[in-house]
Amino acid sequence: MANRRKLVRKYLVLLSGILLLMPLSVFAQEDSKTSDQDSDVQVEENREATTPAGKLAEYQKQLGDLNRQLSVKVRAMQEAMAEASQEEVMEAIMKLQEATQAESVAISKNVLNVAKCADEDPATSLEAIKWIFANSSAAELHKSAGQLLVEYHLTNEELPEILTGIRLPTQAGQDLFEAVIKKSQDRDLRGRVSLGLIDYIAQGMQMAPALEGNEQIAKMYPDVASYLTSLSDMNEEAMLEKMKMLSEDYGDVEIDDSTIGEMVARKIKAIEVRSRVKVGKVAPEIEGPDIDGESFKLSDYRGKVVMLDFWGDW
C-alpha cells in the first residue's frame, strides 16, 4: 500500500506541469482610507483598467482565483482518495480540470486579445504572450500567440527565454522555435533559440516513455500526446547529430560565461555517458584514491557487489 501511495504521488508530480494551471501571484490591496481617498483610488483604477496593462493584470487575477479554487479541490480530493489506485486519482483530477477548463480558456483568450496591442504597448503585448505560453493549456492559443511573437517581437533579445517558457510540448511549439530560427536576422539569437529547441525536443523525449499509452493525456491533450508519440521514434544518435550540427553552425555564440560549442560538448558527453551506463552493460572504469589515500579501480572489484556513492559539496 505504501508503494502504491508513493507511485501515485510520483505520477502526480510528473503530470502536474500539464494537468494543473500554475498559480499566479495576486497583488495585495491597501487598507481602506478616507472616503475621498477611496474615491480617488477608484477613479485611478478605472482608468488603468482600460489600458492593456490594466486588462492583463485583471485577467491574471481572474485566473489566479480560479487556480486557487482548483488547487483546494485537488488537495481535498487527494486526501479523500489516499487509498485509491493511480487510475482513479488521475480520473478524478481530469474531472476537476474539465469543470474549470472552459472558464480558464475564456480568460486566456482575453489575454490573447491583450497580446494584440503590440503597436500600442509592445511591453504588455510581450508579457501577455509569455503568460499564454506559461499558463495556457490550449494549443490553439499557443499557436496564435506564437504568430504574434514572430510578427511583432522577432528582434527582442528575450525570445530564447520566452520560448523555453512554453508550457506544453507540442508540434506547434517546435514549429515556433523553427519559425524564429528561419526568420530572425540576428545570428546570435538564432543560435540561442536553436539551443533552446534542442532542449525542448530532449525534454519531450524524456517525457514520452512516461506518458506513452496514457489515455487521459491523449483525451485531454491530443496535441501533446501526438507530439510525444512522434518523438518516441527519435533515438540518441539522431539527437547527437542535431547537437553536432548546432555546434558547427553556432559554436562560437556566447551565452553568459560559456559558448554554445562548450555547452553542446557537455550535453554530448552526458548522452554518451548515459548510453554506456545501462542495465546489462559493463560499468565504465572509475579510478581514484580510497579513504586511506590508496589508489584503486572499480574493475578491481569485478564479480563483487559494489555500492557507489557519488556526492559533492557544490
C-alpha atoms as a PDB file:
ATOM      1  CA  MET A   1       0.000   0.000   0.000  1.00  0.00           C
ATOM      2  CA  ALA A   2       2.856   2.390   0.842  1.00  0.00           C
ATOM      3  CA  ASN A   3       4.484   1.699  -2.531  1.00  0.00           C
ATOM      4  CA  ARG A   4       1.205   2.440  -4.281  1.00  0.00           C
ATOM      5  CA  ARG A   5       0.897   5.776  -2.491  1.00  0.00           C
ATOM      6  CA  LYS A   6       4.451   6.695  -3.500  1.00  0.00           C
ATOM      7  CA  LEU A   7       3.675   5.764  -7.112  1.00  0.00           C
ATOM      8  CA  VAL A   8       0.571   7.955  -7.122  1.00  0.00           C
ATOM      9  CA  ARG A   9       2.485  10.916  -5.695  1.00  0.00           C
ATOM     10  CA  LYS A  10       5.318  10.462  -8.218  1.00  0.00           C
ATOM     11  CA  TYR A  11       2.847  10.273 -11.088  1.00  0.00           C
ATOM     12  CA  LEU A  12       1.034  13.403  -9.928  1.00  0.00           C
ATOM     13  CA  VAL A  13       4.285  15.335  -9.703  1.00  0.00           C
ATOM     14  CA  LEU A  14       5.259  14.245 -13.198  1.00  0.00           C
ATOM     15  CA  LEU A  15       1.995  15.406 -14.714  1.00  0.00           C
ATOM     16  CA  SER A  16       1.462  18.499 -12.594  1.00  0.00           C
ATOM     17  CA  GLY A  17       3.069  20.763 -15.203  1.00  0.00           C
ATOM     18  CA  ILE A  18       0.497  19.603 -17.741  1.00  0.00           C
ATOM     19  CA  LEU A  19      -2.625  18.923 -15.721  1.00  0.00           C
ATOM     20  CA  LEU A  20      -2.750  21.894 -13.385  1.00  0.00           C
ATOM     21  CA  LEU A  21      -2.500  25.553 -14.281  1.00  0.00           C
ATOM     22  CA  MET A  22       0.290  27.314 -12.470  1.00  0.00           C
ATOM     23  CA  PRO A  23      -0.872  29.570  -9.637  1.00  0.00           C
ATOM     24  CA  LEU A  24      -0.341  33.247 -10.294  1.00  0.00           C
ATOM     25  CA  SER A  25       0.578  35.930  -7.801  1.00  0.00           C
ATOM     26  CA  VAL A  26      -2.115  38.277  -6.586  1.00  0.00           C
ATOM     27  CA  PHE A  27      -1.397  41.847  -5.670  1.00  0.00           C
ATOM     28  CA  ALA A  28      -2.495  42.785  -2.199  1.00  0.00           C
ATOM     29  CA  GLN A  29      -4.782  45.794  -1.925  1.00  0.00           C
ATOM     30  CA  GLU A  30      -4.148  48.591   0.536  1.00  0.00           C
ATOM     31  CA  ASP A  31      -6.314  49.081   3.600  1.00  0.00           C
ATOM     32  CA  SER A  32      -9.294  51.382   3.304  1.00  0.00           C
ATOM     33  CA  LYS A  33      -8.592  55.068   3.879  1.00  0.00           C
ATOM     34  CA  THR A  34     -10.857  58.081   3.889  1.00  0.00           C
ATOM     35  CA  SER A  35     -13.828  58.219   1.546  1.00  0.00           C
ATOM     36  CA  ASP A  36     -12.155  60.907  -0.578  1.00  0.00           C
ATOM     37  CA  GLN A  37      -9.003  58.853  -0.938  1.00  0.00           C
ATOM     38  CA  ASP A  38     -11.017  55.762  -1.795  1.00  0.00           C
ATOM     39  CA  SER A  39     -12.807  57.751  -4.482  1.00  0.00           C
ATOM     40  CA  ASP A  40      -9.532  58.948  -5.983  1.00  0.00           C
ATOM     41  CA  VAL A  41      -8.106  55.423  -5.964  1.00  0.00           C
ATOM     42  CA  GLN A  42     -11.240  54.043  -7.623  1.00  0.00           C
ATOM     43  CA  VAL A  43     -11.023  56.634 -10.393  1.00  0.00           C
ATOM     44  CA  GLU A  44      -7.378  55.735 -10.984  1.00  0.00           C
ATOM     45  CA  GLU A  45      -8.150  52.009 -11.022  1.00  0.00           C
ATOM     46  CA  ASN A  46     -10.951  52.524 -13.510  1.00  0.00           C
ATOM     47  CA  ARG A  47      -8.600  54.461 -15.756  1.00  0.00           C
ATOM     48  CA  GLU A  48      -5.856  51.838 -15.528  1.00  0.00           C
ATOM     49  CA  ALA A  49      -8.332  49.018 -16.187  1.00  0.00           C
ATOM     50  CA  THR A  50      -8.887  50.368 -19.683  1.00  0.00           C
ATOM     51  CA  THR A  51      -5.178  50.132 -20.588  1.00  0.00           C
ATOM     52  CA  PRO A  52      -3.599  46.917 -21.926  1.00  0.00           C
ATOM     53  CA  ALA A  53      -1.537  46.558 -18.744  1.00  0.00           C
ATOM     54  CA  GLY A  54      -4.617  47.028 -16.570  1.00  0.00           C
ATOM     55  CA  LYS A  55      -6.586  44.462 -18.522  1.00  0.00           C
ATOM     56  CA  LEU A  56      -3.742  41.959 -18.345  1.00  0.00           C
ATOM     57  CA  ALA A  57      -3.478  42.376 -14.571  1.00  0.00           C
ATOM     58  CA  GLU A  58      -7.223  41.818 -14.199  1.00  0.00           C
ATOM     59  CA  TYR A  59      -7.185  38.644 -16.310  1.00  0.00           C
ATOM     60  CA  GLN A  60      -4.201  37.333 -14.372  1.00  0.00           C
ATOM     61  CA  LYS A  61      -6.102  37.897 -11.140  1.00  0.00           C
ATOM     62  CA  GLN A  62      -9.168  36.114 -12.506  1.00  0.00           C
ATOM     63  CA  LEU A  63      -7.185  33.020 -13.436  1.00  0.00           C
ATOM     64  CA  GLY A  64      -5.266  33.184 -10.179  1.00  0.00           C
ATOM     65  CA  ASP A  65      -8.555  32.997  -8.278  1.00  0.00           C
ATOM     66  CA  LEU A  66      -9.694  30.111 -10.461  1.00  0.00           C
ATOM     67  CA  ASN A  67      -6.412  28.253  -9.929  1.00  0.00           C
ATOM     68  CA  ARG A  68      -6.587  28.608  -6.171  1.00  0.00           C
ATOM     69  CA  GLN A  69     -10.091  27.179  -6.134  1.00  0.00           C
ATOM     70  CA  LEU A  70      -8.919  24.267  -8.261  1.00  0.00           C
ATOM     71  CA  SER A  71      -5.867  23.644  -6.051  1.00  0.00           C
ATOM     72  CA  VAL A  72      -8.033  23.489  -2.943  1.00  0.00           C
ATOM     73  CA  LYS A  73     -10.318  20.959  -4.598  1.00  0.00           C
ATOM     74  CA  VAL A  74      -7.380  18.842  -5.793  1.00  0.00           C
ATOM     75  CA  ARG A  75      -5.803  18.718  -2.333  1.00  0.00           C
ATOM     76  CA  ALA A  76      -9.117  17.744  -0.783  1.00  0.00           C
ATOM     77  CA  MET A  77      -9.604  15.081  -3.413  1.00  0.00           C
ATOM     78  CA  GLN A  78      -6.101  13.650  -2.865  1.00  0.00           C
ATOM     79  CA  GLU A  79      -6.739  13.347   0.867  1.00  0.00           C
ATOM     80  CA  ALA A  80     -10.101  11.690   0.282  1.00  0.00           C
ATOM     81  CA  MET A  81      -8.588   9.244  -2.245  1.00  0.00           C
ATOM     82  CA  ALA A  82      -5.391   8.366  -0.359  1.00  0.00           C
ATOM     83  CA  GLU A  83      -6.172   4.667  -0.703  1.00  0.00           C
ATOM     84  CA  ALA A  84      -7.324   4.850  -4.338  1.00  0.00           C
ATOM     85  CA  SER A  85      -5.493   3.492  -7.360  1.00  0.00           C
ATOM     86  CA  GLN A  86      -3.403   5.634  -9.673  1.00  0.00           C
ATOM     87  CA  GLU A  87      -6.042   5.408 -12.396  1.00  0.00           C
ATOM     88  CA  GLU A  88      -8.817   6.529 -10.054  1.00  0.00           C
ATOM     89  CA  VAL A  89      -6.803   9.518  -8.842  1.00  0.00           C
ATOM     90  CA  MET A  90      -5.983  10.632 -12.377  1.00  0.00           C
ATOM     91  CA  GLU A  91      -9.592  10.272 -13.465  1.00  0.00           C
ATOM     92  CA  ALA A  92     -10.714  12.436 -10.570  1.00  0.00           C
ATOM     93  CA  ILE A  93      -8.152  15.109 -11.437  1.00  0.00           C
ATOM     94  CA  MET A  94      -9.345  15.122 -15.024  1.00  0.00           C
ATOM     95  CA  LYS A  95     -12.933  15.691 -13.939  1.00  0.00           C
ATOM     96  CA  LEU A  96     -11.901  18.580 -11.698  1.00  0.00           C
ATOM     97  CA  GLN A  97      -9.964  20.173 -14.519  1.00  0.00           C
ATOM     98  CA  GLU A  98     -12.766  19.706 -17.019  1.00  0.00           C
ATOM     99  CA  ALA A  99     -15.081  21.632 -14.694  1.00  0.00           C
ATOM    100  CA  THR A 100     -12.899  24.755 -14.931  1.00  0.00           C
ATOM    101  CA  GLN A 101     -11.374  24.315 -18.373  1.00  0.00           C
ATOM    102  CA  ALA A 102     -13.942  26.366 -20.296  1.00  0.00           C
ATOM    103  CA  GLU A 103     -13.579  29.300 -17.917  1.00  0.00           C
ATOM    104  CA  SER A 104      -9.784  29.194 -17.966  1.00  0.00           C
ATOM    105  CA  VAL A 105      -9.727  29.073 -21.777  1.00  0.00           C
ATOM    106  CA  ALA A 106     -12.075  32.070 -21.942  1.00  0.00           C
ATOM    107  CA  ILE A 107      -9.746  34.065 -19.682  1.00  0.00           C
ATOM    108  CA  SER A 108      -6.743  33.028 -21.769  1.00  0.00           C
ATOM    109  CA  LYS A 109      -8.489  34.231 -24.925  1.00  0.00           C
ATOM    110  CA  ASN A 110      -8.905  37.622 -23.286  1.00  0.00           C
ATOM    111  CA  VAL A 111      -5.179  37.648 -22.580  1.00  0.00           C
ATOM    112  CA  LEU A 112      -4.533  36.820 -26.245  1.00  0.00           C
ATOM    113  CA  ASN A 113      -6.556  39.895 -27.227  1.00  0.00           C
ATOM    114  CA  VAL A 114      -4.295  41.970 -24.984  1.00  0.00           C
ATOM    115  CA  ALA A 115      -1.284  40.437 -26.753  1.00  0.00           C
ATOM    116  CA  LYS A 116      -2.531  42.007 -29.997  1.00  0.00           C
ATOM    117  CA  CYS A 117      -1.776  45.503 -28.655  1.00  0.00           C
ATOM    118  CA  ALA A 118       1.845  45.405 -29.857  1.00  0.00           C
ATOM    119  CA  ASP A 119       1.581  48.717 -31.704  1.00  0.00           C
ATOM    120  CA  GLU A 120       0.095  50.493 -28.676  1.00  0.00           C
ATOM    121  CA  ASP A 121       2.016  48.797 -25.858  1.00  0.00           C
ATOM    122  CA  PRO A 122       4.736  46.371 -27.022  1.00  0.00           C
ATOM    123  CA  ALA A 123       5.919  45.558 -23.487  1.00  0.00           C
ATOM    124  CA  THR A 124       2.467  44.469 -22.327  1.00  0.00           C
ATOM    125  CA  SER A 125       1.936  42.568 -25.571  1.00  0.00           C
ATOM    126  CA  LEU A 126       5.100  40.590 -24.877  1.00  0.00           C
ATOM    127  CA  GLU A 127       4.095  39.931 -21.266  1.00  0.00           C
ATOM    128  CA  ALA A 128       0.713  38.626 -22.429  1.00  0.00           C
ATOM    129  CA  ILE A 129       2.387  36.273 -24.904  1.00  0.00           C
ATOM    130  CA  LYS A 130       4.753  34.987 -22.213  1.00  0.00           C
ATOM    131  CA  TRP A 131       1.780  34.477 -19.911  1.00  0.00           C
ATOM    132  CA  ILE A 132      -0.073  32.387 -22.502  1.00  0.00           C
ATOM    133  CA  PHE A 133       2.971  30.179 -23.094  1.00  0.00           C
ATOM    134  CA  ALA A 134       3.488  29.621 -19.379  1.00  0.00           C
ATOM    135  CA  ASN A 135      -0.116  29.217 -18.228  1.00  0.00           C
ATOM    136  CA  SER A 136      -2.490  28.300 -21.026  1.00  0.00           C
ATOM    137  CA  SER A 137      -3.239  24.681 -21.872  1.00  0.00           C
ATOM    138  CA  ALA A 138      -4.940  25.414 -25.204  1.00  0.00           C
ATOM    139  CA  ALA A 139      -2.724  24.545 -28.159  1.00  0.00           C
ATOM    140  CA  GLU A 140      -4.586  26.910 -30.489  1.00  0.00           C
ATOM    141  CA  LEU A 141      -3.812  29.821 -28.176  1.00  0.00           C
ATOM    142  CA  HIS A 142      -0.143  28.892 -28.186  1.00  0.00           C
ATOM    143  CA  LYS A 143      -0.167  28.913 -31.961  1.00  0.00           C
ATOM    144  CA  SER A 144      -1.853  32.327 -32.159  1.00  0.00           C
ATOM    145  CA  ALA A 145       0.499  33.771 -29.521  1.00  0.00           C
ATOM    146  CA  GLY A 146       3.444  32.388 -31.467  1.00  0.00           C
ATOM    147  CA  GLN A 147       2.303  34.143 -34.630  1.00  0.00           C
ATOM    148  CA  LEU A 148       2.131  37.438 -32.740  1.00  0.00           C
ATOM    149  CA  LEU A 149       5.585  36.820 -31.296  1.00  0.00           C
ATOM    150  CA  VAL A 150       7.129  36.317 -34.726  1.00  0.00           C
ATOM    151  CA  GLU A 151       5.223  39.224 -36.264  1.00  0.00           C
ATOM    152  CA  TYR A 152       5.898  41.883 -33.628  1.00  0.00           C
ATOM    153  CA  HIS A 153       8.759  40.745 -31.371  1.00  0.00           C
ATOM    154  CA  LEU A 154      11.215  38.939 -33.630  1.00  0.00           C
ATOM    155  CA  THR A 155      14.110  41.218 -32.642  1.00  0.00           C
ATOM    156  CA  ASN A 156      13.526  41.013 -28.894  1.00  0.00           C
ATOM    157  CA  GLU A 157      16.553  39.636 -27.033  1.00  0.00           C
ATOM    158  CA  GLU A 158      14.279  37.800 -24.589  1.00  0.00           C
ATOM    159  CA  LEU A 159      12.990  35.478 -27.321  1.00  0.00           C
ATOM    160  CA  PRO A 160      15.062  32.417 -26.315  1.00  0.00           C
ATOM    161  CA  GLU A 161      13.912  32.664 -22.690  1.00  0.00           C
ATOM    162  CA  ILE A 162      10.307  33.271 -23.739  1.00  0.00           C
ATOM    163  CA  LEU A 163      10.287  30.196 -25.962  1.00  0.00           C
ATOM    164  CA  THR A 164      11.728  27.969 -23.252  1.00  0.00           C
ATOM    165  CA  GLY A 165       8.766  29.029 -21.117  1.00  0.00           C
ATOM    166  CA  ILE A 166       6.318  27.217 -23.405  1.00  0.00           C
ATOM    167  CA  ARG A 167       4.303  25.023 -21.075  1.00  0.00           C
ATOM    168  CA  LEU A 168       3.058  22.238 -23.317  1.00  0.00           C
ATOM    169  CA  PRO A 169       5.348  20.108 -25.520  1.00  0.00           C
ATOM    170  CA  THR A 170       3.611  20.123 -28.900  1.00  0.00           C
ATOM    171  CA  GLN A 171       4.495  20.209 -32.575  1.00  0.00           C
ATOM    172  CA  ALA A 172       3.192  23.793 -32.644  1.00  0.00           C
ATOM    173  CA  GLY A 173       5.815  24.687 -30.044  1.00  0.00           C
ATOM    174  CA  GLN A 174       8.600  23.140 -32.091  1.00  0.00           C
ATOM    175  CA  ASP A 175       7.292  24.876 -35.219  1.00  0.00           C
ATOM    176  CA  LEU A 176       7.518  28.222 -33.408  1.00  0.00           C
ATOM    177  CA  PHE A 177      11.159  27.645 -32.500  1.00  0.00           C
ATOM    178  CA  GLU A 178      11.871  26.799 -36.126  1.00  0.00           C
ATOM    179  CA  ALA A 179       9.962  29.836 -37.435  1.00  0.00           C
ATOM    180  CA  VAL A 180      12.032  32.179 -35.257  1.00  0.00           C
ATOM    181  CA  ILE A 181      15.258  30.492 -36.388  1.00  0.00           C
ATOM    182  CA  LYS A 182      14.215  30.823 -40.035  1.00  0.00           C
ATOM    183  CA  LYS A 183      13.080  34.460 -39.940  1.00  0.00           C
ATOM    184  CA  SER A 184      15.474  36.101 -37.470  1.00  0.00           C
ATOM    185  CA  GLN A 185      18.310  38.146 -38.941  1.00  0.00           C
ATOM    186  CA  ASP A 186      20.292  38.031 -35.683  1.00  0.00           C
ATOM    187  CA  ARG A 187      22.810  35.160 -35.803  1.00  0.00           C
ATOM    188  CA  ASP A 188      23.434  35.108 -32.047  1.00  0.00           C
ATOM    189  CA  LEU A 189      19.697  34.999 -31.340  1.00  0.00           C
ATOM    190  CA  ARG A 190      19.235  32.194 -33.862  1.00  0.00           C
ATOM    191  CA  GLY A 191      21.954  30.230 -32.110  1.00  0.00           C
ATOM    192  CA  ARG A 192      20.393  30.681 -28.671  1.00  0.00           C
ATOM    193  CA  VAL A 193      16.947  29.721 -29.985  1.00  0.00           C
ATOM    194  CA  SER A 194      18.455  26.681 -31.735  1.00  0.00           C
ATOM    195  CA  LEU A 195      19.960  25.574 -28.432  1.00  0.00           C
ATOM    196  CA  GLY A 196      16.559  26.062 -26.801  1.00  0.00           C
ATOM    197  CA  LEU A 197      14.976  23.896 -29.493  1.00  0.00           C
ATOM    198  CA  ILE A 198      17.410  21.079 -28.729  1.00  0.00           C
ATOM    199  CA  ASP A 199      16.431  21.244 -25.053  1.00  0.00           C
ATOM    200  CA  TYR A 200      12.718  21.418 -25.977  1.00  0.00           C
ATOM    201  CA  ILE A 201      12.973  18.235 -28.048  1.00  0.00           C
ATOM    202  CA  ALA A 202      15.118  16.483 -25.438  1.00  0.00           C
ATOM    203  CA  GLN A 203      12.586  17.270 -22.716  1.00  0.00           C
ATOM    204  CA  GLY A 204       9.811  15.808 -24.844  1.00  0.00           C
ATOM    205  CA  MET A 205      11.880  12.681 -25.461  1.00  0.00           C
ATOM    206  CA  GLN A 206      12.294  12.229 -21.708  1.00  0.00           C
ATOM    207  CA  MET A 207       8.565  12.635 -21.105  1.00  0.00           C
ATOM    208  CA  ALA A 208       7.478  10.332 -23.924  1.00  0.00           C
ATOM    209  CA  PRO A 209       8.107   6.950 -22.225  1.00  0.00           C
ATOM    210  CA  ALA A 210       6.364   8.012 -19.001  1.00  0.00           C
ATOM    211  CA  LEU A 211       3.227   9.186 -20.797  1.00  0.00           C
ATOM    212  CA  GLU A 212       3.132   6.565 -23.536  1.00  0.00           C
ATOM    213  CA  GLY A 213      -0.298   4.978 -23.781  1.00  0.00           C
ATOM    214  CA  ASN A 214      -1.845   7.289 -21.176  1.00  0.00           C
ATOM    215  CA  GLU A 215      -5.484   7.518 -22.207  1.00  0.00           C
ATOM    216  CA  GLN A 216      -6.245  10.532 -20.008  1.00  0.00           C
ATOM    217  CA  ILE A 217      -3.493  12.660 -21.560  1.00  0.00           C
ATOM    218  CA  ALA A 218      -4.479  11.534 -25.054  1.00  0.00           C
ATOM    219  CA  LYS A 219      -8.065  12.582 -24.358  1.00  0.00           C
ATOM    220  CA  MET A 220      -7.412  15.933 -22.715  1.00  0.00           C
ATOM    221  CA  TYR A 221      -4.294  16.931 -24.675  1.00  0.00           C
ATOM    222  CA  PRO A 222      -4.258  15.200 -28.060  1.00  0.00           C
ATOM    223  CA  ASP A 223      -1.634  17.628 -29.410  1.00  0.00           C
ATOM    224  CA  VAL A 224       0.728  16.729 -26.570  1.00  0.00           C
ATOM    225  CA  ALA A 225       0.127  13.000 -26.984  1.00  0.00           C
ATOM    226  CA  SER A 226       0.666  13.206 -30.737  1.00  0.00           C
ATOM    227  CA  TYR A 227       3.915  15.138 -30.365  1.00  0.00           C
ATOM    228  CA  LEU A 228       5.325  12.828 -27.719  1.00  0.00           C
ATOM    229  CA  THR A 229       4.451   9.841 -29.885  1.00  0.00           C
ATOM    230  CA  SER A 230       6.364  11.350 -32.799  1.00  0.00           C
ATOM    231  CA  LEU A 231       9.399  11.888 -30.565  1.00  0.00           C
ATOM    232  CA  SER A 232       9.391   8.263 -29.450  1.00  0.00           C
ATOM    233  CA  ASP A 233      10.892   7.402 -32.842  1.00  0.00           C
ATOM    234  CA  MET A 234      13.892   9.698 -32.301  1.00  0.00           C
ATOM    235  CA  ASN A 235      16.919   7.959 -30.803  1.00  0.00           C
ATOM    236  CA  GLU A 236      20.020   9.300 -29.126  1.00  0.00           C
ATOM    237  CA  GLU A 237      22.020   9.049 -32.335  1.00  0.00           C
ATOM    238  CA  ALA A 238      19.627  11.454 -34.073  1.00  0.00           C
ATOM    239  CA  MET A 239      19.819  13.866 -31.140  1.00  0.00           C
ATOM    240  CA  LEU A 240      23.614  13.723 -31.175  1.00  0.00           C
ATOM    241  CA  GLU A 241      23.585  14.599 -34.867  1.00  0.00           C
ATOM    242  CA  LYS A 242      21.389  17.629 -34.223  1.00  0.00           C
ATOM    243  CA  MET A 243      23.739  18.778 -31.476  1.00  0.00           C
ATOM    244  CA  LYS A 244      26.820  18.419 -33.653  1.00  0.00           C
ATOM    245  CA  MET A 245      25.187  20.480 -36.411  1.00  0.00           C
ATOM    246  CA  LEU A 246      24.247  23.135 -33.849  1.00  0.00           C
ATOM    247  CA  SER A 247      27.852  23.298 -32.665  1.00  0.00           C
ATOM    248  CA  GLU A 248      29.128  23.617 -36.224  1.00  0.00           C
ATOM    249  CA  ASP A 249      26.729  26.444 -37.072  1.00  0.00           C
ATOM    250  CA  TYR A 250      26.744  28.435 -33.817  1.00  0.00           C
ATOM    251  CA  GLY A 251      29.555  27.043 -31.692  1.00  0.00           C
ATOM    252  CA  ASP A 252      31.163  30.476 -31.174  1.00  0.00           C
ATOM    253  CA  VAL A 253      27.972  32.196 -29.962  1.00  0.00           C
ATOM    254  CA  GLU A 254      28.444  33.281 -26.351  1.00  0.00           C
ATOM    255  CA  ILE A 255      25.899  32.638 -23.606  1.00  0.00           C
ATOM    256  CA  ASP A 256      26.788  34.038 -20.182  1.00  0.00           C
ATOM    257  CA  ASP A 257      30.325  32.802 -19.455  1.00  0.00           C
ATOM    258  CA  SER A 258      30.282  29.980 -21.972  1.00  0.00           C
ATOM    259  CA  THR A 259      29.702  29.325 -25.667  1.00  0.00           C
ATOM    260  CA  ILE A 260      27.165  27.169 -27.466  1.00  0.00           C
ATOM    261  CA  GLY A 261      30.013  24.915 -28.588  1.00  0.00           C
ATOM    262  CA  GLU A 262      31.096  24.307 -24.992  1.00  0.00           C
ATOM    263  CA  MET A 263      27.532  23.769 -23.793  1.00  0.00           C
ATOM    264  CA  VAL A 264      26.803  21.313 -26.611  1.00  0.00           C
ATOM    265  CA  ALA A 265      30.021  19.426 -25.871  1.00  0.00           C
ATOM    266  CA  ARG A 266      28.858  18.901 -22.283  1.00  0.00           C
ATOM    267  CA  LYS A 267      25.433  17.734 -23.462  1.00  0.00           C
ATOM    268  CA  ILE A 268      27.012  15.291 -25.915  1.00  0.00           C
ATOM    269  CA  LYS A 269      29.292  13.899 -23.221  1.00  0.00           C
ATOM    270  CA  ALA A 270      26.323  13.403 -20.892  1.00  0.00           C
ATOM    271  CA  ILE A 271      24.413  11.486 -23.585  1.00  0.00           C
ATOM    272  CA  GLU A 272      27.444   9.320 -24.383  1.00  0.00           C
ATOM    273  CA  VAL A 273      27.950   8.506 -20.696  1.00  0.00           C
ATOM    274  CA  ARG A 274      24.240   7.673 -20.278  1.00  0.00           C
ATOM    275  CA  SER A 275      24.399   5.334 -23.246  1.00  0.00           C
ATOM    276  CA  ARG A 276      27.189   3.371 -21.539  1.00  0.00           C
ATOM    277  CA  VAL A 277      25.576   3.269 -18.110  1.00  0.00           C
ATOM    278  CA  LYS A 278      22.653   0.921 -18.635  1.00  0.00           C
ATOM    279  CA  VAL A 279      21.436  -2.289 -17.062  1.00  0.00           C
ATOM    280  CA  GLY A 280      23.332  -5.223 -18.525  1.00  0.00           C
ATOM    281  CA  LYS A 281      26.354  -3.213 -19.676  1.00  0.00           C
ATOM    282  CA  VAL A 282      29.806  -3.189 -18.105  1.00  0.00           C
ATOM    283  CA  ALA A 283      30.182  -0.180 -15.835  1.00  0.00           C
ATOM    284  CA  PRO A 284      32.639   2.487 -17.030  1.00  0.00           C
ATOM    285  CA  GLU A 285      36.007   2.438 -15.321  1.00  0.00           C
ATOM    286  CA  ILE A 286      36.334   4.588 -12.209  1.00  0.00           C
ATOM    287  CA  GLU A 287      39.747   5.269 -10.708  1.00  0.00           C
ATOM    288  CA  GLY A 288      40.755   7.303  -7.677  1.00  0.00           C
ATOM    289  CA  PRO A 289      42.029   7.244  -4.078  1.00  0.00           C
ATOM    290  CA  ASP A 290      40.104   5.447  -1.329  1.00  0.00           C
ATOM    291  CA  ILE A 291      39.578   6.859   2.173  1.00  0.00           C
ATOM    292  CA  ASP A 292      43.119   5.776   3.105  1.00  0.00           C
ATOM    293  CA  GLY A 293      44.613   7.544   0.081  1.00  0.00           C
ATOM    294  CA  GLU A 294      45.348   4.299  -1.745  1.00  0.00           C
ATOM    295  CA  SER A 295      44.640   4.275  -5.490  1.00  0.00           C
ATOM    296  CA  PHE A 296      42.038   1.788  -6.701  1.00  0.00           C
ATOM    297  CA  LYS A 297      39.952   0.967  -9.759  1.00  0.00           C
ATOM    298  CA  LEU A 298      36.345  -0.158  -9.998  1.00  0.00           C
ATOM    299  CA  SER A 299      37.492  -3.061 -12.172  1.00  0.00           C
ATOM    300  CA  ASP A 300      39.498  -4.365  -9.195  1.00  0.00           C
ATOM    301  CA  TYR A 301      36.162  -5.431  -7.706  1.00  0.00           C
ATOM    302  CA  ARG A 302      34.747  -7.125 -10.764  1.00  0.00           C
ATOM    303  CA  GLY A 303      32.481 -10.000  -9.772  1.00  0.00           C
ATOM    304  CA  LYS A 304      31.681  -8.464  -6.399  1.00  0.00           C
ATOM    305  CA  VAL A 305      28.712  -6.395  -5.252  1.00  0.00           C
ATOM    306  CA  VAL A 306      29.743  -2.721  -5.235  1.00  0.00           C
ATOM    307  CA  MET A 307      27.802   0.283  -3.976  1.00  0.00           C
ATOM    308  CA  LEU A 308      28.863   3.649  -5.436  1.00  0.00           C
ATOM    309  CA  ASP A 309      28.051   6.838  -3.526  1.00  0.00           C
ATOM    310  CA  PHE A 310      28.523   9.995  -5.628  1.00  0.00           C
ATOM    311  CA  TRP A 311      28.349  13.267  -3.730  1.00  0.00           C
ATOM    312  CA  GLY A 312      29.651  16.807  -3.807  1.00  0.00           C
ATOM    313  CA  ASP A 313      29.742  19.996  -1.759  1.00  0.00           C
ATOM    314  CA  TRP A 314      28.686  22.411  -4.514  1.00  0.00           C
END
